[in-house]
């Protein structure tokens, strides 16, 4: 029963974590667009801080806490026969690094010293999407996931996301989506 509760909280946690990261990324885009237009973006700073502290941080902590508790309950024997968990943990560490680095982005945007333009923020906003795909595929397919096919699929997904972002940028610049 405890395991199922932890698993439920883990799923709720990572859903909220990714939602927060997606939302934070969009706010960065809008904040940077305001700054590029020479306008004040201070209202976005408050939104960024709240999303980071109230959504992203607690959700990340719930995800990690419940996930590690489930790992501890399963034991080392389980980990040895489930090698898919190792790349998942690596991806989670990298996602956590991405998450923590967004705090610096919040400060840079507040001080208007970020060298990243709004287009690059749109691309950066797709990073959590890549993590989400990779982590979910690992969790669902487990040891049955062909690493080569999964890697190729993620590269294709990244290329599609990049092309879609460029297409959207062209549409905005032409005035179709102003």
C-alpha atoms as a PDB file:
ATOM      1  CA  UNK A   1       0.000   0.000   0.000  1.00  0.00           C
ATOM      2  CA  UNK A   2       2.816   2.424   0.882  1.00  0.00           C
ATOM      3  CA  UNK A   3       4.554   1.618  -2.410  1.00  0.00           C
ATOM      4  CA  UNK A   4       1.418   2.487  -4.405  1.00  0.00           C
ATOM      5  CA  UNK A   5       1.041   5.746  -2.473  1.00  0.00           C
ATOM      6  CA  UNK A   6       4.676   6.637  -3.236  1.00  0.00           C
ATOM      7  CA  UNK A   7       4.176   5.739  -6.892  1.00  0.00           C
ATOM      8  CA  UNK A   8       1.058   7.921  -7.088  1.00  0.00           C
ATOM      9  CA  UNK A   9       2.840  10.861  -5.468  1.00  0.00           C
ATOM     10  CA  UNK A  10       5.818  10.292  -7.775  1.00  0.00           C
ATOM     11  CA  UNK A  11       3.563  10.530 -10.848  1.00  0.00           C
ATOM     12  CA  UNK A  12       1.803  13.611  -9.482  1.00  0.00           C
ATOM     13  CA  UNK A  13       5.189  15.148  -8.642  1.00  0.00           C
ATOM     14  CA  UNK A  14       6.766  14.677 -12.045  1.00  0.00           C
ATOM     15  CA  UNK A  15       3.588  15.852 -13.786  1.00  0.00           C
ATOM     16  CA  UNK A  16       3.666  19.074 -11.768  1.00  0.00           C
ATOM     17  CA  UNK A  17       7.441  19.396 -12.237  1.00  0.00           C
ATOM     18  CA  UNK A  18       7.225  19.207 -16.008  1.00  0.00           C
ATOM     19  CA  UNK A  19       4.186  21.496 -16.053  1.00  0.00           C
ATOM     20  CA  UNK A  20       6.157  24.044 -14.051  1.00  0.00           C
ATOM     21  CA  UNK A  21       9.181  23.782 -16.327  1.00  0.00           C
ATOM     22  CA  UNK A  22       7.005  24.198 -19.437  1.00  0.00           C
ATOM     23  CA  UNK A  23       5.255  27.210 -17.894  1.00  0.00           C
ATOM     24  CA  UNK A  24       8.534  28.759 -16.743  1.00  0.00           C
ATOM     25  CA  UNK A  25       9.970  28.402 -20.237  1.00  0.00           C
ATOM     26  CA  UNK A  26       7.013  30.229 -21.763  1.00  0.00           C
ATOM     27  CA  UNK A  27       7.346  33.047 -19.248  1.00  0.00           C
ATOM     28  CA  UNK A  28      11.034  33.389 -20.208  1.00  0.00           C
ATOM     29  CA  UNK A  29      10.033  33.805 -23.861  1.00  0.00           C
ATOM     30  CA  UNK A  30       7.461  36.490 -23.065  1.00  0.00           C
ATOM     31  CA  UNK A  31       9.814  38.260 -20.634  1.00  0.00           C
ATOM     32  CA  UNK A  32      12.602  38.379 -23.200  1.00  0.00           C
ATOM     33  CA  UNK A  33      10.227  39.619 -25.916  1.00  0.00           C
ATOM     34  CA  UNK A  34       9.217  42.515 -23.635  1.00  0.00           C
ATOM     35  CA  UNK A  35      12.862  43.359 -23.002  1.00  0.00           C
ATOM     36  CA  UNK A  36      13.699  43.134 -26.713  1.00  0.00           C
ATOM     37  CA  UNK A  37      10.860  45.588 -27.381  1.00  0.00           C
ATOM     38  CA  UNK A  38      12.441  48.002 -24.877  1.00  0.00           C
ATOM     39  CA  UNK A  39       9.612  47.570 -22.396  1.00  0.00           C
ATOM     40  CA  UNK A  40       9.609  46.738 -18.701  1.00  0.00           C
ATOM     41  CA  UNK A  41       9.270  43.027 -18.008  1.00  0.00           C
ATOM     42  CA  UNK A  42       9.090  43.174 -14.227  1.00  0.00           C
ATOM     43  CA  UNK A  43       5.642  41.532 -14.097  1.00  0.00           C
ATOM     44  CA  UNK A  44       7.192  38.462 -15.710  1.00  0.00           C
ATOM     45  CA  UNK A  45       9.922  38.313 -13.095  1.00  0.00           C
ATOM     46  CA  UNK A  46       7.353  37.859 -10.346  1.00  0.00           C
ATOM     47  CA  UNK A  47       5.650  35.101 -12.363  1.00  0.00           C
ATOM     48  CA  UNK A  48       9.013  33.369 -12.925  1.00  0.00           C
ATOM     49  CA  UNK A  49       9.946  33.451  -9.258  1.00  0.00           C
ATOM     50  CA  UNK A  50       6.563  32.110  -8.203  1.00  0.00           C
ATOM     51  CA  UNK A  51       6.540  29.341 -10.812  1.00  0.00           C
ATOM     52  CA  UNK A  52      10.062  28.320  -9.822  1.00  0.00           C
ATOM     53  CA  UNK A  53       9.573  28.411  -6.046  1.00  0.00           C
ATOM     54  CA  UNK A  54       5.926  27.365  -5.731  1.00  0.00           C
ATOM     55  CA  UNK A  55       5.557  24.852  -8.567  1.00  0.00           C
ATOM     56  CA  UNK A  56       8.920  23.615  -9.839  1.00  0.00           C
ATOM     57  CA  UNK A  57      10.914  23.234  -6.618  1.00  0.00           C
ATOM     58  CA  UNK A  58       8.305  21.390  -4.519  1.00  0.00           C
ATOM     59  CA  UNK A  59       7.334  19.164  -7.454  1.00  0.00           C
ATOM     60  CA  UNK A  60      10.984  18.257  -8.088  1.00  0.00           C
ATOM     61  CA  UNK A  61      11.458  17.411  -4.410  1.00  0.00           C
ATOM     62  CA  UNK A  62       8.339  15.225  -4.354  1.00  0.00           C
ATOM     63  CA  UNK A  63       9.474  13.441  -7.513  1.00  0.00           C
ATOM     64  CA  UNK A  64      12.956  12.724  -6.173  1.00  0.00           C
ATOM     65  CA  UNK A  65      11.816  11.803  -2.659  1.00  0.00           C
ATOM     66  CA  UNK A  66       9.136   9.355  -3.758  1.00  0.00           C
ATOM     67  CA  UNK A  67      11.289   7.910  -6.535  1.00  0.00           C
ATOM     68  CA  UNK A  68      14.239   7.270  -4.240  1.00  0.00           C
ATOM     69  CA  UNK A  69      11.923   5.810  -1.591  1.00  0.00           C
ATOM     70  CA  UNK A  70      10.540   3.363  -4.178  1.00  0.00           C
ATOM     71  CA  UNK A  71      14.081   2.443  -5.218  1.00  0.00           C
ATOM     72  CA  UNK A  72      14.986   1.781  -1.590  1.00  0.00           C
ATOM     73  CA  UNK A  73      11.890  -0.371  -1.124  1.00  0.00           C
ATOM     74  CA  UNK A  74      12.738  -2.418  -4.233  1.00  0.00           C
ATOM     75  CA  UNK A  75      16.313  -3.018  -3.112  1.00  0.00           C
ATOM     76  CA  UNK A  76      19.608  -3.521  -4.913  1.00  0.00           C
ATOM     77  CA  UNK A  77      18.569  -6.842  -6.422  1.00  0.00           C
ATOM     78  CA  UNK A  78      15.748  -5.128  -8.302  1.00  0.00           C
ATOM     79  CA  UNK A  79      18.134  -2.441  -9.530  1.00  0.00           C
ATOM     80  CA  UNK A  80      20.551  -5.073 -10.844  1.00  0.00           C
ATOM     81  CA  UNK A  81      17.896  -6.728 -13.013  1.00  0.00           C
ATOM     82  CA  UNK A  82      16.474  -3.406 -14.230  1.00  0.00           C
ATOM     83  CA  UNK A  83      19.338  -1.633 -16.027  1.00  0.00           C
ATOM     84  CA  UNK A  84      16.881   0.801 -17.646  1.00  0.00           C
ATOM     85  CA  UNK A  85      16.830   2.635 -14.322  1.00  0.00           C
ATOM     86  CA  UNK A  86      20.456   3.784 -14.691  1.00  0.00           C
ATOM     87  CA  UNK A  87      19.904   5.951 -17.790  1.00  0.00           C
ATOM     88  CA  UNK A  88      16.642   7.175 -16.245  1.00  0.00           C
ATOM     89  CA  UNK A  89      18.547   8.346 -13.172  1.00  0.00           C
ATOM     90  CA  UNK A  90      21.169  10.018 -15.370  1.00  0.00           C
ATOM     91  CA  UNK A  91      18.407  11.829 -17.256  1.00  0.00           C
ATOM     92  CA  UNK A  92      16.842  12.907 -13.958  1.00  0.00           C
ATOM     93  CA  UNK A  93      20.157  14.305 -12.745  1.00  0.00           C
ATOM     94  CA  UNK A  94      20.529  16.212 -16.027  1.00  0.00           C
ATOM     95  CA  UNK A  95      16.930  17.464 -15.765  1.00  0.00           C
ATOM     96  CA  UNK A  96      17.655  18.621 -12.218  1.00  0.00           C
ATOM     97  CA  UNK A  97      20.732  20.500 -13.468  1.00  0.00           C
ATOM     98  CA  UNK A  98      18.541  22.102 -16.155  1.00  0.00           C
ATOM     99  CA  UNK A  99      15.989  23.002 -13.466  1.00  0.00           C
ATOM    100  CA  UNK A 100      18.559  24.559 -11.118  1.00  0.00           C
ATOM    101  CA  UNK A 101      20.165  26.532 -13.959  1.00  0.00           C
ATOM    102  CA  UNK A 102      16.823  28.230 -14.625  1.00  0.00           C
ATOM    103  CA  UNK A 103      17.254  30.127 -11.350  1.00  0.00           C
ATOM    104  CA  UNK A 104      20.244  31.899 -12.909  1.00  0.00           C
ATOM    105  CA  UNK A 105      18.116  32.643 -15.978  1.00  0.00           C
ATOM    106  CA  UNK A 106      15.492  34.302 -13.760  1.00  0.00           C
ATOM    107  CA  UNK A 107      18.158  36.586 -12.284  1.00  0.00           C
ATOM    108  CA  UNK A 108      19.663  37.388 -15.692  1.00  0.00           C
ATOM    109  CA  UNK A 109      16.290  38.338 -17.133  1.00  0.00           C
ATOM    110  CA  UNK A 110      15.490  40.485 -14.103  1.00  0.00           C
ATOM    111  CA  UNK A 111      18.754  42.371 -14.579  1.00  0.00           C
ATOM    112  CA  UNK A 112      18.341  42.347 -18.401  1.00  0.00           C
ATOM    113  CA  UNK A 113      21.760  40.745 -18.873  1.00  0.00           C
ATOM    114  CA  UNK A 114      20.708  37.499 -20.563  1.00  0.00           C
ATOM    115  CA  UNK A 115      22.505  36.955 -23.864  1.00  0.00           C
ATOM    116  CA  UNK A 116      19.810  34.516 -24.994  1.00  0.00           C
ATOM    117  CA  UNK A 117      17.268  35.966 -27.434  1.00  0.00           C
ATOM    118  CA  UNK A 118      13.573  35.086 -27.447  1.00  0.00           C
ATOM    119  CA  UNK A 119      14.027  32.550 -30.266  1.00  0.00           C
ATOM    120  CA  UNK A 120      16.668  30.667 -28.297  1.00  0.00           C
ATOM    121  CA  UNK A 121      14.373  30.749 -25.267  1.00  0.00           C
ATOM    122  CA  UNK A 122      11.736  29.076 -27.455  1.00  0.00           C
ATOM    123  CA  UNK A 123      14.263  26.344 -28.258  1.00  0.00           C
ATOM    124  CA  UNK A 124      15.313  26.096 -24.606  1.00  0.00           C
ATOM    125  CA  UNK A 125      11.656  25.628 -23.731  1.00  0.00           C
ATOM    126  CA  UNK A 126      11.730  22.337 -25.664  1.00  0.00           C
ATOM    127  CA  UNK A 127      14.484  20.824 -23.490  1.00  0.00           C
ATOM    128  CA  UNK A 128      12.011  19.522 -20.884  1.00  0.00           C
ATOM    129  CA  UNK A 129       9.999  17.976 -23.732  1.00  0.00           C
ATOM    130  CA  UNK A 130      13.039  15.950 -24.775  1.00  0.00           C
ATOM    131  CA  UNK A 131      13.601  14.813 -21.198  1.00  0.00           C
ATOM    132  CA  UNK A 132       9.937  13.896 -20.810  1.00  0.00           C
ATOM    133  CA  UNK A 133       9.944  11.723 -23.931  1.00  0.00           C
ATOM    134  CA  UNK A 134      13.153   9.941 -22.966  1.00  0.00           C
ATOM    135  CA  UNK A 135      12.174   9.329 -19.342  1.00  0.00           C
ATOM    136  CA  UNK A 136       8.657   8.133 -20.137  1.00  0.00           C
ATOM    137  CA  UNK A 137       9.917   5.785 -22.852  1.00  0.00           C
ATOM    138  CA  UNK A 138      12.409   4.286 -20.409  1.00  0.00           C
ATOM    139  CA  UNK A 139       9.788   3.918 -17.678  1.00  0.00           C
ATOM    140  CA  UNK A 140       7.220   2.301 -19.973  1.00  0.00           C
ATOM    141  CA  UNK A 141       9.405   0.030 -22.108  1.00  0.00           C
ATOM    142  CA  UNK A 142      11.949  -0.646 -19.357  1.00  0.00           C
ATOM    143  CA  UNK A 143      14.505  -3.259 -20.460  1.00  0.00           C
ATOM    144  CA  UNK A 144      12.647  -3.795 -23.748  1.00  0.00           C
ATOM    145  CA  UNK A 145      13.632  -0.392 -25.115  1.00  0.00           C
ATOM    146  CA  UNK A 146      16.102  -0.538 -27.969  1.00  0.00           C
ATOM    147  CA  UNK A 147      18.614   2.164 -27.071  1.00  0.00           C
ATOM    148  CA  UNK A 148      19.624   2.889 -30.658  1.00  0.00           C
ATOM    149  CA  UNK A 149      16.045   3.312 -31.863  1.00  0.00           C
ATOM    150  CA  UNK A 150      15.194   5.412 -28.842  1.00  0.00           C
ATOM    151  CA  UNK A 151      18.199   7.683 -29.464  1.00  0.00           C
ATOM    152  CA  UNK A 152      17.332   8.030 -33.157  1.00  0.00           C
ATOM    153  CA  UNK A 153      13.725   8.805 -32.209  1.00  0.00           C
ATOM    154  CA  UNK A 154      14.841  11.537 -29.804  1.00  0.00           C
ATOM    155  CA  UNK A 155      17.116  13.062 -32.444  1.00  0.00           C
ATOM    156  CA  UNK A 156      14.208  13.081 -34.910  1.00  0.00           C
ATOM    157  CA  UNK A 157      11.919  14.590 -32.260  1.00  0.00           C
ATOM    158  CA  UNK A 158      14.525  17.275 -31.537  1.00  0.00           C
ATOM    159  CA  UNK A 159      14.794  18.075 -35.246  1.00  0.00           C
ATOM    160  CA  UNK A 160      10.999  18.286 -35.597  1.00  0.00           C
ATOM    161  CA  UNK A 161      10.755  20.579 -32.562  1.00  0.00           C
ATOM    162  CA  UNK A 162      13.532  22.786 -33.935  1.00  0.00           C
ATOM    163  CA  UNK A 163      11.883  23.008 -37.380  1.00  0.00           C
ATOM    164  CA  UNK A 164       8.509  23.799 -35.785  1.00  0.00           C
ATOM    165  CA  UNK A 165      10.118  26.554 -33.723  1.00  0.00           C
ATOM    166  CA  UNK A 166      11.759  28.029 -36.841  1.00  0.00           C
ATOM    167  CA  UNK A 167       8.455  27.804 -38.725  1.00  0.00           C
ATOM    168  CA  UNK A 168       6.695  29.616 -35.888  1.00  0.00           C
ATOM    169  CA  UNK A 169       9.426  32.295 -35.813  1.00  0.00           C
ATOM    170  CA  UNK A 170       8.973  32.900 -39.557  1.00  0.00           C
ATOM    171  CA  UNK A 171       5.210  33.173 -39.073  1.00  0.00           C
ATOM    172  CA  UNK A 172       5.612  35.724 -36.300  1.00  0.00           C
ATOM    173  CA  UNK A 173       8.149  37.769 -38.260  1.00  0.00           C
ATOM    174  CA  UNK A 174       5.900  37.834 -41.336  1.00  0.00           C
ATOM    175  CA  UNK A 175       3.009  39.115 -39.226  1.00  0.00           C
ATOM    176  CA  UNK A 176       0.788  36.050 -39.688  1.00  0.00           C
ATOM    177  CA  UNK A 177       0.675  35.377 -35.931  1.00  0.00           C
ATOM    178  CA  UNK A 178       1.171  38.814 -34.430  1.00  0.00           C
END
